[in-house]
Amino acid sequence: SDEARLQHMLNEFLFQGIEKIDENFKSKLRLINGDMELDGLGISSEDREYIIENVNITIHGAAALNFKGKFKRTVAINVRGTKQLLDLTIDTKHFQSFIFISTAYSQCPRVHSSETFYETPLDYKDALNILNCIEDENSVDFVSKKLIYPWPNSYTFTKAVTEDMIRQYQGKLPVIIVRPSIGMKIKLKFNLIKLN
């Protein structure tokens, strides 16, 4: 149930101690169901209107994480889904920032990476064109193996493409990109990129 999901999230470390700051914080929460794979994010028009009227910070951590996942699905979730969430954030009346949780491995083909943006060999618009224009999954998988090289999988590749897409949103809204490693929950080590 939605209530059980919300209670499970409230038990996570992110919310520990928040009642000491604001004892009424739970009354400010609203669980909104969506699906990053669906066009429009699978959000109802009522929930979309609620977001536009009430949300000021978007923290985006949803992603297709399967390292062996199909390229079209990974692009749909990680690239198109993020683009639609960026556009929705821009539509909000009180937006302050968009925080994107990427991965430390988005730049894994590089020997060294720093807190900066890197261009990718495939622009996000081209990735979305592949998603929309090529119907045959086998053809997409064949082409994608060549497209993503030297990235090891579509997950890390689409995270890199999405970071570059976010760079192209410069000036439209303040963005922070967090690149956590696998052990972020334990050690909280990550790279951070902030756009003003």
Protein backbone atom coordinates (compact mmCIF):
# COMPACT_ATOMS: atom_id res chain seq x y z
CA SER A 1 0.00 0.00 0.00
CA ASP A 2 1.03 3.64 -0.44
CA GLU A 3 0.93 4.18 3.32
CA ALA A 4 3.27 1.23 3.94
CA ARG A 5 5.69 2.50 1.26
CA LEU A 6 5.68 5.96 2.82
CA GLN A 7 6.28 4.54 6.30
CA HIS A 8 9.16 2.43 4.95
CA MET A 9 10.77 5.53 3.41
CA LEU A 10 10.32 7.50 6.64
CA ASN A 11 12.31 4.80 8.48
CA GLU A 12 15.33 5.38 6.20
CA PHE A 13 18.37 7.34 7.40
CA LEU A 14 17.37 10.42 5.37
CA PHE A 15 14.48 11.16 7.73
CA GLN A 16 16.17 10.27 11.03
CA GLY A 17 15.99 13.18 13.42
CA ILE A 18 13.82 15.41 11.23
CA GLU A 19 11.01 15.39 13.80
CA LYS A 20 13.35 17.34 16.11
CA ILE A 21 13.45 20.10 13.48
CA ASP A 22 9.80 19.96 12.42
CA GLU A 23 7.42 17.72 14.35
CA ASN A 24 4.70 18.26 11.72
CA PHE A 25 6.84 17.29 8.71
CA LYS A 26 4.76 14.17 7.96
CA SER A 27 1.71 16.33 7.24
CA LYS A 28 3.69 18.01 4.44
CA LEU A 29 4.36 14.73 2.61
CA ARG A 30 2.31 13.44 -0.29
CA LEU A 31 3.11 10.18 -2.04
CA ILE A 32 2.78 10.49 -5.81
CA ASN A 33 2.77 7.39 -7.97
CA GLY A 34 4.55 7.55 -11.30
CA ASP A 35 6.57 5.52 -13.76
CA MET A 36 9.75 6.94 -15.29
CA GLU A 37 9.41 4.61 -18.28
CA LEU A 38 6.06 6.08 -19.33
CA ASP A 39 5.69 9.18 -21.44
CA GLY A 40 4.43 11.86 -19.06
CA LEU A 41 6.02 9.96 -16.15
CA GLY A 42 2.75 8.16 -15.47
CA ILE A 43 1.68 11.01 -13.18
CA SER A 44 -1.99 11.90 -12.97
CA SER A 45 -3.03 15.42 -14.01
CA GLU A 46 -4.14 16.07 -10.41
CA ASP A 47 -0.71 15.08 -9.04
CA ARG A 48 1.05 17.07 -11.78
CA GLU A 49 -0.91 20.17 -10.77
CA TYR A 50 -0.06 19.54 -7.11
CA ILE A 51 3.66 19.36 -8.00
CA ILE A 52 3.47 22.57 -10.04
CA GLU A 53 1.80 24.43 -7.18
CA ASN A 54 3.77 23.04 -4.22
CA VAL A 55 7.19 21.60 -5.04
CA ASN A 56 10.30 23.79 -4.94
CA ILE A 57 13.15 21.23 -4.90
CA THR A 58 13.29 18.05 -6.98
CA ILE A 59 15.62 15.25 -5.89
CA HIS A 60 15.76 12.75 -8.73
CA GLY A 61 17.17 9.33 -7.88
CA ALA A 62 15.01 7.02 -9.99
CA ALA A 63 16.85 5.05 -12.68
CA ALA A 64 17.03 1.83 -14.66
CA LEU A 65 19.92 0.18 -12.83
CA ASN A 66 20.16 -3.14 -14.67
CA PHE A 67 23.66 -3.37 -16.18
CA LYS A 68 22.33 -5.83 -18.77
CA GLY A 69 19.11 -3.94 -19.39
CA LYS A 70 17.68 -3.26 -22.83
CA PHE A 71 18.98 -0.03 -24.35
CA LYS A 72 15.54 1.39 -25.29
CA ARG A 73 14.15 0.87 -21.79
CA THR A 74 17.27 2.33 -20.17
CA VAL A 75 17.10 5.40 -22.44
CA ALA A 76 13.36 5.76 -21.77
CA ILE A 77 13.86 5.81 -18.01
CA ASN A 78 17.25 7.44 -17.56
CA VAL A 79 17.21 10.00 -20.37
CA ARG A 80 13.61 10.71 -21.40
CA GLY A 81 12.27 10.31 -17.85
CA THR A 82 14.86 12.74 -16.51
CA LYS A 83 14.14 15.23 -19.30
CA GLN A 84 10.43 15.14 -18.50
CA LEU A 85 11.15 15.59 -14.80
CA LEU A 86 13.43 18.55 -15.59
CA ASP A 87 10.67 20.09 -17.71
CA LEU A 88 8.12 19.50 -14.94
CA THR A 89 10.46 21.13 -12.41
CA ILE A 90 10.81 24.18 -14.67
CA ASP A 91 7.00 24.40 -14.75
CA THR A 92 6.75 24.51 -10.95
CA LYS A 93 5.87 27.92 -9.62
CA HIS A 94 8.43 28.02 -6.82
CA PHE A 95 11.35 25.96 -8.09
CA GLN A 96 14.68 26.40 -6.35
CA SER A 97 16.78 23.52 -7.64
CA PHE A 98 16.94 20.14 -9.33
CA ILE A 99 19.22 17.55 -7.71
CA PHE A 100 20.16 14.65 -9.96
CA ILE A 101 21.66 11.50 -8.49
CA SER A 102 23.95 10.09 -11.15
CA THR A 103 26.78 7.63 -10.54
CA ALA A 104 30.53 7.88 -10.00
CA TYR A 105 30.79 5.48 -12.94
CA SER A 106 29.15 7.80 -15.46
CA GLN A 107 32.64 8.72 -16.60
CA CYS A 108 34.20 5.26 -16.18
CA PRO A 109 36.00 5.30 -19.59
CA ARG A 110 38.14 8.17 -18.24
CA VAL A 111 41.24 7.44 -16.22
CA HIS A 112 40.52 10.53 -14.12
CA SER A 113 37.30 12.47 -13.78
CA SER A 114 36.64 15.63 -11.85
CA GLU A 115 33.68 17.71 -10.78
CA THR A 116 32.87 18.93 -14.25
CA PHE A 117 30.79 18.04 -17.29
CA TYR A 118 32.05 15.90 -20.12
CA GLU A 119 30.62 15.67 -23.60
CA THR A 120 29.30 12.31 -24.71
CA PRO A 121 29.54 10.80 -28.18
CA LEU A 122 25.73 10.73 -28.38
CA ASP A 123 23.60 13.79 -27.68
CA TYR A 124 20.45 13.16 -25.64
CA LYS A 125 18.29 14.26 -28.61
CA ASP A 126 19.84 11.52 -30.73
CA ALA A 127 19.28 8.98 -27.95
CA LEU A 128 15.61 10.00 -27.83
CA ASN A 129 15.37 9.73 -31.63
CA ILE A 130 16.61 6.14 -31.40
CA LEU A 131 13.96 5.51 -28.77
CA ASN A 132 11.23 6.93 -31.01
CA CYS A 133 12.36 5.84 -34.48
CA ILE A 134 13.70 2.30 -34.22
CA GLU A 135 10.98 -0.16 -33.30
CA ASP A 136 12.90 -3.42 -33.55
CA GLU A 137 14.53 -4.19 -30.19
CA ASN A 138 17.16 -6.48 -31.77
CA SER A 139 18.28 -3.73 -34.15
CA VAL A 140 18.53 -1.27 -31.26
CA ASP A 141 20.57 -3.72 -29.19
CA PHE A 142 22.94 -4.33 -32.12
CA VAL A 143 23.43 -0.60 -32.71
CA SER A 144 23.66 0.23 -29.01
CA LYS A 145 26.70 -2.00 -28.47
CA LYS A 146 28.58 0.21 -30.90
CA LEU A 147 27.08 3.45 -29.53
CA ILE A 148 27.95 2.92 -25.89
CA TYR A 149 31.57 1.85 -26.38
CA PRO A 150 33.80 2.40 -24.34
CA TRP A 151 31.16 2.44 -21.57
CA PRO A 152 30.60 -1.11 -20.29
CA ASN A 153 26.79 -0.97 -20.19
CA SER A 154 23.76 1.12 -21.07
CA TYR A 155 23.27 2.19 -17.43
CA THR A 156 26.57 4.06 -17.09
CA PHE A 157 26.32 5.35 -20.66
CA THR A 158 22.83 6.80 -20.22
CA LYS A 159 23.88 8.41 -16.94
CA ALA A 160 26.69 10.18 -18.86
CA VAL A 161 24.27 11.23 -21.62
CA THR A 162 21.82 12.49 -19.00
CA GLU A 163 24.50 14.53 -17.25
CA ASP A 164 25.32 16.16 -20.60
CA MET A 165 21.61 16.82 -21.17
CA ILE A 166 21.41 18.50 -17.77
CA ARG A 167 24.38 20.67 -18.74
CA GLN A 168 22.30 21.88 -21.68
CA TYR A 169 19.64 23.07 -19.21
CA GLN A 170 22.10 25.62 -17.81
CA GLY A 171 20.37 28.91 -17.25
CA LYS A 172 16.89 27.35 -17.05
CA LEU A 173 17.15 26.23 -13.42
CA PRO A 174 19.80 25.65 -10.75
CA VAL A 175 21.02 22.05 -10.92
CA ILE A 176 23.18 19.90 -8.69
CA ILE A 177 24.54 16.57 -9.88
CA VAL A 178 25.66 14.04 -7.29
CA ARG A 179 27.89 11.17 -8.44
CA PRO A 180 27.76 8.63 -5.60
CA SER A 181 29.89 5.53 -5.53
CA ILE A 182 28.42 2.18 -4.54
CA GLY A 183 29.27 2.82 -0.88
CA MET A 184 27.63 6.27 -0.65
CA LYS A 185 25.08 5.17 1.92
CA ILE A 186 27.87 4.06 4.23
CA LYS A 187 30.61 6.61 3.57
CA LEU A 188 28.77 9.44 1.81
CA LYS A 189 31.61 9.98 -0.69
CA PHE A 190 30.63 11.53 -4.00
CA ASN A 191 31.50 14.08 -6.63
CA LEU A 192 29.26 17.13 -6.82
CA ILE A 193 28.58 19.45 -9.71
CA LYS A 194 26.57 22.62 -9.14
CA LEU A 195 25.20 24.88 -11.85
CA ASN A 196 24.05 28.38 -11.00
